[in-house]
Amino acid sequence: MSALHRLQEKIAQWKRDHEALKEENAQLKNQLENIAGSQSEQAATIEALKRELEEKDTEIEKIIAQVETLLS
């Protein structure tokens, strides 16, 4: 096998490896974007639940105040 032929095979292999790495990189970028979107959704859900909890706490405090008033 000539040196030129071996060199051509190496170059062809590097091109295939490069294309495979580019594809893997694109897939990883997509996964990262999906994770970021999921985290945003989770953060919004957490904020909504915190607001709901605060509302429930306020309601409970009102009920306790009414009960204390009735017992006085």
N, C-alpha and C. Protein backbone atom coordinates (compact mmCIF):
# COMPACT_ATOMS: atom_id res chain seq x y z
N MET A 1 0.85 -1.17 0.00
CA MET A 1 0.00 0.00 0.00
C MET A 1 0.90 1.23 0.00
N SER A 2 0.62 2.12 -0.86
CA SER A 2 1.48 3.31 -0.98
C SER A 2 1.17 4.29 0.14
N ALA A 3 2.12 5.15 0.38
CA ALA A 3 1.96 6.18 1.41
C ALA A 3 0.80 7.10 1.06
N LEU A 4 0.66 7.40 -0.22
CA LEU A 4 -0.43 8.29 -0.65
C LEU A 4 -1.78 7.64 -0.38
N HIS A 5 -1.89 6.37 -0.62
CA HIS A 5 -3.14 5.65 -0.38
C HIS A 5 -3.47 5.62 1.11
N ARG A 6 -2.46 5.34 1.94
CA ARG A 6 -2.67 5.34 3.39
C ARG A 6 -3.10 6.73 3.88
N LEU A 7 -2.46 7.74 3.33
CA LEU A 7 -2.80 9.11 3.70
C LEU A 7 -4.24 9.44 3.32
N GLN A 8 -4.65 9.00 2.13
CA GLN A 8 -6.03 9.23 1.69
C GLN A 8 -7.02 8.51 2.60
N GLU A 9 -6.67 7.30 3.04
CA GLU A 9 -7.55 6.56 3.95
C GLU A 9 -7.65 7.26 5.30
N LYS A 10 -6.52 7.75 5.79
CA LYS A 10 -6.53 8.48 7.07
C LYS A 10 -7.40 9.73 6.96
N ILE A 11 -7.25 10.46 5.89
CA ILE A 11 -8.04 11.69 5.70
C ILE A 11 -9.53 11.35 5.62
N ALA A 12 -9.86 10.30 4.90
CA ALA A 12 -11.26 9.87 4.80
C ALA A 12 -11.80 9.49 6.17
N GLN A 13 -11.00 8.77 6.97
CA GLN A 13 -11.43 8.38 8.32
C GLN A 13 -11.62 9.61 9.20
N TRP A 14 -10.73 10.57 9.11
CA TRP A 14 -10.85 11.81 9.91
C TRP A 14 -12.11 12.58 9.53
N LYS A 15 -12.42 12.57 8.23
CA LYS A 15 -13.65 13.25 7.79
C LYS A 15 -14.88 12.56 8.38
N ARG A 16 -14.88 11.22 8.36
CA ARG A 16 -16.02 10.49 8.94
C ARG A 16 -16.12 10.76 10.44
N ASP A 17 -14.98 10.72 11.12
CA ASP A 17 -14.97 11.00 12.56
C ASP A 17 -15.45 12.42 12.85
N HIS A 18 -15.02 13.36 12.02
CA HIS A 18 -15.43 14.75 12.20
C HIS A 18 -16.95 14.90 12.04
N GLU A 19 -17.50 14.26 11.03
CA GLU A 19 -18.95 14.32 10.79
C GLU A 19 -19.71 13.67 11.95
N ALA A 20 -19.17 12.56 12.46
CA ALA A 20 -19.82 11.89 13.59
C ALA A 20 -19.79 12.79 14.83
N LEU A 21 -18.68 13.48 15.05
CA LEU A 21 -18.59 14.38 16.19
C LEU A 21 -19.52 15.58 16.04
N LYS A 22 -19.64 16.08 14.82
CA LYS A 22 -20.57 17.19 14.59
C LYS A 22 -22.01 16.76 14.88
N GLU A 23 -22.37 15.55 14.48
CA GLU A 23 -23.72 15.03 14.74
C GLU A 23 -23.94 14.86 16.23
N GLU A 24 -22.95 14.30 16.93
CA GLU A 24 -23.07 14.12 18.38
C GLU A 24 -23.20 15.48 19.08
N ASN A 25 -22.44 16.45 18.62
CA ASN A 25 -22.49 17.80 19.19
C ASN A 25 -23.89 18.41 19.00
N ALA A 26 -24.46 18.23 17.82
CA ALA A 26 -25.81 18.75 17.56
C ALA A 26 -26.83 18.08 18.49
N GLN A 27 -26.69 16.78 18.69
CA GLN A 27 -27.61 16.06 19.58
C GLN A 27 -27.47 16.55 21.02
N LEU A 28 -26.24 16.77 21.45
CA LEU A 28 -26.02 17.27 22.81
C LEU A 28 -26.58 18.67 22.99
N LYS A 29 -26.46 19.51 21.97
CA LYS A 29 -27.03 20.86 22.04
C LYS A 29 -28.55 20.78 22.17
N ASN A 30 -29.16 19.88 21.41
CA ASN A 30 -30.62 19.71 21.50
C ASN A 30 -31.03 19.25 22.90
N GLN A 31 -30.28 18.31 23.45
CA GLN A 31 -30.59 17.83 24.80
C GLN A 31 -30.46 18.95 25.81
N LEU A 32 -29.43 19.77 25.67
CA LEU A 32 -29.21 20.88 26.58
C LEU A 32 -30.34 21.89 26.49
N GLU A 33 -30.80 22.18 25.27
CA GLU A 33 -31.92 23.10 25.09
C GLU A 33 -33.19 22.54 25.73
N ASN A 34 -33.41 21.24 25.57
CA ASN A 34 -34.59 20.61 26.16
C ASN A 34 -34.54 20.68 27.68
N ILE A 35 -33.36 20.45 28.23
CA ILE A 35 -33.21 20.51 29.69
C ILE A 35 -33.46 21.93 30.19
N ALA A 36 -32.93 22.91 29.47
CA ALA A 36 -33.12 24.31 29.87
C ALA A 36 -34.61 24.67 29.84
N GLY A 37 -35.31 24.22 28.81
CA GLY A 37 -36.74 24.47 28.72
C GLY A 37 -37.50 23.80 29.85
N SER A 38 -37.10 22.58 30.16
CA SER A 38 -37.74 21.85 31.25
C SER A 38 -37.51 22.55 32.59
N GLN A 39 -36.30 23.06 32.78
CA GLN A 39 -36.00 23.77 34.02
C GLN A 39 -36.84 25.03 34.15
N SER A 40 -37.05 25.72 33.04
CA SER A 40 -37.88 26.93 33.07
C SER A 40 -39.32 26.59 33.46
N GLU A 41 -39.82 25.51 32.89
CA GLU A 41 -41.18 25.07 33.22
C GLU A 41 -41.28 24.70 34.70
N GLN A 42 -40.28 24.00 35.20
CA GLN A 42 -40.28 23.60 36.60
C GLN A 42 -40.21 24.83 37.51
N ALA A 43 -39.41 25.81 37.13
CA ALA A 43 -39.31 27.03 37.94
C ALA A 43 -40.65 27.75 37.98
N ALA A 44 -41.35 27.81 36.85
CA ALA A 44 -42.66 28.45 36.81
C ALA A 44 -43.65 27.69 37.69
N THR A 45 -43.61 26.37 37.64
CA THR A 45 -44.49 25.55 38.47
C THR A 45 -44.20 25.77 39.95
N ILE A 46 -42.93 25.84 40.29
CA ILE A 46 -42.55 26.07 41.69
C ILE A 46 -43.06 27.42 42.17
N GLU A 47 -42.91 28.45 41.34
CA GLU A 47 -43.40 29.78 41.71
C GLU A 47 -44.91 29.78 41.91
N ALA A 48 -45.63 29.09 41.03
CA ALA A 48 -47.09 29.01 41.16
C ALA A 48 -47.47 28.30 42.46
N LEU A 49 -46.76 27.23 42.78
CA LEU A 49 -47.04 26.49 44.01
C LEU A 49 -46.71 27.33 45.25
N LYS A 50 -45.65 28.11 45.18
CA LYS A 50 -45.30 29.00 46.30
C LYS A 50 -46.41 30.04 46.53
N ARG A 51 -46.91 30.62 45.44
CA ARG A 51 -48.01 31.59 45.57
C ARG A 51 -49.25 30.94 46.17
N GLU A 52 -49.55 29.73 45.70
CA GLU A 52 -50.71 29.00 46.22
C GLU A 52 -50.53 28.71 47.71
N LEU A 53 -49.33 28.34 48.10
CA LEU A 53 -49.05 28.06 49.51
C LEU A 53 -49.21 29.31 50.36
N GLU A 54 -48.73 30.44 49.85
CA GLU A 54 -48.89 31.70 50.58
C GLU A 54 -50.37 32.06 50.74
N GLU A 55 -51.16 31.83 49.70
CA GLU A 55 -52.60 32.10 49.78
C GLU A 55 -53.25 31.19 50.83
N LYS A 56 -52.86 29.93 50.82
CA LYS A 56 -53.42 28.99 51.80
C LYS A 56 -53.03 29.40 53.23
N ASP A 57 -51.78 29.82 53.40
CA ASP A 57 -51.33 30.27 54.72
C ASP A 57 -52.15 31.47 55.19
N THR A 58 -52.41 32.39 54.28
CA THR A 58 -53.21 33.57 54.63
C THR A 58 -54.62 33.16 55.04
N GLU A 59 -55.21 32.23 54.29
CA GLU A 59 -56.55 31.74 54.63
C GLU A 59 -56.56 31.09 56.01
N ILE A 60 -55.55 30.28 56.29
CA ILE A 60 -55.46 29.60 57.58
C ILE A 60 -55.34 30.61 58.71
N GLU A 61 -54.51 31.64 58.49
CA GLU A 61 -54.36 32.66 59.52
C GLU A 61 -55.67 33.39 59.77
N LYS A 62 -56.46 33.64 58.73
CA LYS A 62 -57.76 34.29 58.90
C LYS A 62 -58.71 33.40 59.71
N ILE A 63 -58.70 32.11 59.38
CA ILE A 63 -59.58 31.17 60.09
C ILE A 63 -59.18 31.10 61.57
N ILE A 64 -57.88 31.04 61.86
CA ILE A 64 -57.41 31.00 63.24
C ILE A 64 -57.82 32.26 63.97
N ALA A 65 -57.71 33.41 63.32
CA ALA A 65 -58.12 34.67 63.96
C ALA A 65 -59.61 34.66 64.26
N GLN A 66 -60.44 34.14 63.35
CA GLN A 66 -61.88 34.06 63.58
C GLN A 66 -62.19 33.13 64.74
N VAL A 67 -61.49 31.98 64.80
CA VAL A 67 -61.72 31.03 65.89
C VAL A 67 -61.34 31.67 67.22
N GLU A 68 -60.22 32.38 67.26
CA GLU A 68 -59.78 33.04 68.49
C GLU A 68 -60.80 34.11 68.92
N THR A 69 -61.37 34.80 67.94
CA THR A 69 -62.37 35.80 68.25
C THR A 69 -63.61 35.14 68.85
N LEU A 70 -64.02 34.02 68.28
CA LEU A 70 -65.20 33.31 68.78
C LEU A 70 -64.97 32.76 70.20
N LEU A 71 -63.73 32.35 70.48
CA LEU A 71 -63.44 31.76 71.77
C LEU A 71 -63.23 32.83 72.86
N SER A 72 -63.02 34.07 72.47
CA SER A 72 -62.79 35.12 73.46
C SER A 72 -64.04 35.52 74.15
